[in-house]
């Protein structure tokens, strides 16, 4: 009985560690993508990159095209600010990690860049 309990505990620990490892690997990949940019502003999106996005892409596909991560607005909705314009951004919506809609939005107010 004790052996069975420790075996189950060991399996749960291994599964937990592998999930942490996957999350860490994805985080390292995101950092690597942003670090590959020659300039900080390249982690934002531009209209040419926005036009390359197609329905069905996953979040990592979009990050690779943009050269940086989006800012989470709400569950499944991210925005990427425009590289040049402080008044424009790109809103990308995902459902089950699949791009389902994209639009250009107007940004007003204080910029944090």
C-alpha atoms as a PDB file:
ATOM      1  CA  UNK A   1       0.000   0.000   0.000  1.00  0.00           C
ATOM      2  CA  UNK A   2       2.787   2.440   0.920  1.00  0.00           C
ATOM      3  CA  UNK A   3       4.685   1.572  -2.280  1.00  0.00           C
ATOM      4  CA  UNK A   4       1.540   2.218  -4.352  1.00  0.00           C
ATOM      5  CA  UNK A   5       1.100   5.617  -2.676  1.00  0.00           C
ATOM      6  CA  UNK A   6       4.714   6.637  -3.374  1.00  0.00           C
ATOM      7  CA  UNK A   7       4.492   5.377  -6.971  1.00  0.00           C
ATOM      8  CA  UNK A   8       1.432   7.512  -7.625  1.00  0.00           C
ATOM      9  CA  UNK A   9       3.127  10.496  -5.970  1.00  0.00           C
ATOM     10  CA  UNK A  10       6.224   9.957  -8.117  1.00  0.00           C
ATOM     11  CA  UNK A  11       4.168   9.864 -11.322  1.00  0.00           C
ATOM     12  CA  UNK A  12       2.366  13.081 -10.360  1.00  0.00           C
ATOM     13  CA  UNK A  13       5.694  14.787  -9.669  1.00  0.00           C
ATOM     14  CA  UNK A  14       7.114  13.718 -13.036  1.00  0.00           C
ATOM     15  CA  UNK A  15       4.050  15.036 -14.865  1.00  0.00           C
ATOM     16  CA  UNK A  16       4.276  18.319 -12.951  1.00  0.00           C
ATOM     17  CA  UNK A  17       7.968  18.758 -13.708  1.00  0.00           C
ATOM     18  CA  UNK A  18       7.423  18.063 -17.411  1.00  0.00           C
ATOM     19  CA  UNK A  19       4.666  20.696 -17.562  1.00  0.00           C
ATOM     20  CA  UNK A  20       6.941  23.239 -15.898  1.00  0.00           C
ATOM     21  CA  UNK A  21       9.673  22.316 -18.359  1.00  0.00           C
ATOM     22  CA  UNK A  22       7.335  22.897 -21.317  1.00  0.00           C
ATOM     23  CA  UNK A  23       6.286  26.305 -19.993  1.00  0.00           C
ATOM     24  CA  UNK A  24       9.921  27.254 -19.404  1.00  0.00           C
ATOM     25  CA  UNK A  25      10.862  26.091 -22.911  1.00  0.00           C
ATOM     26  CA  UNK A  26       8.105  28.254 -24.457  1.00  0.00           C
ATOM     27  CA  UNK A  27       9.196  31.227 -22.347  1.00  0.00           C
ATOM     28  CA  UNK A  28      12.806  30.776 -23.514  1.00  0.00           C
ATOM     29  CA  UNK A  29      11.606  30.615 -27.128  1.00  0.00           C
ATOM     30  CA  UNK A  30       9.674  33.892 -26.726  1.00  0.00           C
ATOM     31  CA  UNK A  31      12.714  35.592 -25.200  1.00  0.00           C
ATOM     32  CA  UNK A  32      14.901  34.256 -28.005  1.00  0.00           C
ATOM     33  CA  UNK A  33      12.539  35.678 -30.652  1.00  0.00           C
ATOM     34  CA  UNK A  34      12.526  39.136 -29.076  1.00  0.00           C
ATOM     35  CA  UNK A  35      16.295  39.072 -28.510  1.00  0.00           C
ATOM     36  CA  UNK A  36      16.887  38.304 -32.198  1.00  0.00           C
ATOM     37  CA  UNK A  37      15.636  41.791 -33.145  1.00  0.00           C
ATOM     38  CA  UNK A  38      18.350  44.312 -33.917  1.00  0.00           C
ATOM     39  CA  UNK A  39      16.232  47.138 -32.473  1.00  0.00           C
ATOM     40  CA  UNK A  40      13.742  47.222 -29.587  1.00  0.00           C
ATOM     41  CA  UNK A  41      10.940  48.640 -31.739  1.00  0.00           C
ATOM     42  CA  UNK A  42      11.072  45.532 -33.962  1.00  0.00           C
ATOM     43  CA  UNK A  43       9.220  43.529 -31.303  1.00  0.00           C
ATOM     44  CA  UNK A  44       6.118  45.491 -32.304  1.00  0.00           C
ATOM     45  CA  UNK A  45       4.108  44.778 -35.453  1.00  0.00           C
ATOM     46  CA  UNK A  46       3.857  46.685 -38.716  1.00  0.00           C
ATOM     47  CA  UNK A  47       1.176  46.621 -41.407  1.00  0.00           C
ATOM     48  CA  UNK A  48       3.195  44.331 -43.692  1.00  0.00           C
ATOM     49  CA  UNK A  49       3.489  41.742 -40.894  1.00  0.00           C
ATOM     50  CA  UNK A  50      -0.203  42.191 -40.029  1.00  0.00           C
ATOM     51  CA  UNK A  51      -1.155  41.398 -43.641  1.00  0.00           C
ATOM     52  CA  UNK A  52       0.810  38.097 -43.451  1.00  0.00           C
ATOM     53  CA  UNK A  53      -1.477  36.785 -40.687  1.00  0.00           C
ATOM     54  CA  UNK A  54      -4.099  34.257 -41.745  1.00  0.00           C
ATOM     55  CA  UNK A  55      -6.900  32.492 -39.912  1.00  0.00           C
ATOM     56  CA  UNK A  56      -5.818  29.291 -38.216  1.00  0.00           C
ATOM     57  CA  UNK A  57      -2.318  30.445 -37.259  1.00  0.00           C
ATOM     58  CA  UNK A  58      -1.358  29.794 -33.651  1.00  0.00           C
ATOM     59  CA  UNK A  59       0.017  32.370 -31.221  1.00  0.00           C
ATOM     60  CA  UNK A  60       3.653  31.339 -31.788  1.00  0.00           C
ATOM     61  CA  UNK A  61       3.242  31.754 -35.573  1.00  0.00           C
ATOM     62  CA  UNK A  62       2.079  35.334 -34.992  1.00  0.00           C
ATOM     63  CA  UNK A  63       4.921  36.014 -32.527  1.00  0.00           C
ATOM     64  CA  UNK A  64       7.451  34.759 -35.101  1.00  0.00           C
ATOM     65  CA  UNK A  65       6.022  37.041 -37.799  1.00  0.00           C
ATOM     66  CA  UNK A  66       5.794  40.091 -35.520  1.00  0.00           C
ATOM     67  CA  UNK A  67       9.147  39.481 -33.845  1.00  0.00           C
ATOM     68  CA  UNK A  68       7.680  39.915 -30.383  1.00  0.00           C
ATOM     69  CA  UNK A  69       4.892  38.973 -28.005  1.00  0.00           C
ATOM     70  CA  UNK A  70       1.489  40.592 -27.907  1.00  0.00           C
ATOM     71  CA  UNK A  71      -0.043  42.284 -24.905  1.00  0.00           C
ATOM     72  CA  UNK A  72      -2.913  40.254 -23.437  1.00  0.00           C
ATOM     73  CA  UNK A  73      -6.116  42.344 -23.296  1.00  0.00           C
ATOM     74  CA  UNK A  74      -8.540  39.622 -22.258  1.00  0.00           C
ATOM     75  CA  UNK A  75      -8.699  35.874 -22.657  1.00  0.00           C
ATOM     76  CA  UNK A  76      -7.696  35.045 -26.221  1.00  0.00           C
ATOM     77  CA  UNK A  77      -7.286  38.683 -27.334  1.00  0.00           C
ATOM     78  CA  UNK A  78      -3.848  40.247 -27.790  1.00  0.00           C
ATOM     79  CA  UNK A  79      -2.678  43.534 -29.230  1.00  0.00           C
ATOM     80  CA  UNK A  80       0.568  44.428 -30.877  1.00  0.00           C
ATOM     81  CA  UNK A  81       1.372  48.132 -31.069  1.00  0.00           C
ATOM     82  CA  UNK A  82       2.492  49.550 -34.396  1.00  0.00           C
ATOM     83  CA  UNK A  83       6.255  49.925 -34.864  1.00  0.00           C
ATOM     84  CA  UNK A  84       6.001  53.525 -36.059  1.00  0.00           C
ATOM     85  CA  UNK A  85       2.591  54.953 -35.201  1.00  0.00           C
ATOM     86  CA  UNK A  86       1.601  55.648 -31.603  1.00  0.00           C
ATOM     87  CA  UNK A  87      -2.058  55.854 -32.630  1.00  0.00           C
ATOM     88  CA  UNK A  88      -2.429  52.433 -34.268  1.00  0.00           C
ATOM     89  CA  UNK A  89      -2.335  48.861 -33.009  1.00  0.00           C
ATOM     90  CA  UNK A  90      -3.301  45.401 -34.217  1.00  0.00           C
ATOM     91  CA  UNK A  91      -5.836  43.345 -32.300  1.00  0.00           C
ATOM     92  CA  UNK A  92      -5.574  39.601 -32.839  1.00  0.00           C
ATOM     93  CA  UNK A  93      -8.134  37.189 -31.400  1.00  0.00           C
ATOM     94  CA  UNK A  94      -7.433  33.499 -30.779  1.00  0.00           C
ATOM     95  CA  UNK A  95      -9.742  30.657 -29.879  1.00  0.00           C
ATOM     96  CA  UNK A  96      -8.142  27.368 -28.805  1.00  0.00           C
ATOM     97  CA  UNK A  97      -4.779  28.827 -29.923  1.00  0.00           C
ATOM     98  CA  UNK A  98      -6.052  29.443 -33.457  1.00  0.00           C
ATOM     99  CA  UNK A  99      -6.260  32.929 -34.984  1.00  0.00           C
ATOM    100  CA  UNK A 100      -9.933  33.660 -35.645  1.00  0.00           C
ATOM    101  CA  UNK A 101      -9.967  37.431 -36.277  1.00  0.00           C
ATOM    102  CA  UNK A 102      -7.664  40.386 -36.725  1.00  0.00           C
ATOM    103  CA  UNK A 103      -8.247  44.100 -37.000  1.00  0.00           C
ATOM    104  CA  UNK A 104      -6.458  47.416 -36.925  1.00  0.00           C
ATOM    105  CA  UNK A 105      -7.507  49.562 -33.984  1.00  0.00           C
ATOM    106  CA  UNK A 106      -6.998  53.186 -33.051  1.00  0.00           C
ATOM    107  CA  UNK A 107      -5.034  53.822 -29.875  1.00  0.00           C
ATOM    108  CA  UNK A 108      -5.660  56.917 -27.793  1.00  0.00           C
ATOM    109  CA  UNK A 109      -4.257  58.245 -24.584  1.00  0.00           C
ATOM    110  CA  UNK A 110      -1.016  57.705 -22.744  1.00  0.00           C
ATOM    111  CA  UNK A 111       1.627  55.504 -24.358  1.00  0.00           C
ATOM    112  CA  UNK A 112       3.797  53.249 -22.198  1.00  0.00           C
ATOM    113  CA  UNK A 113       6.477  52.885 -24.883  1.00  0.00           C
END
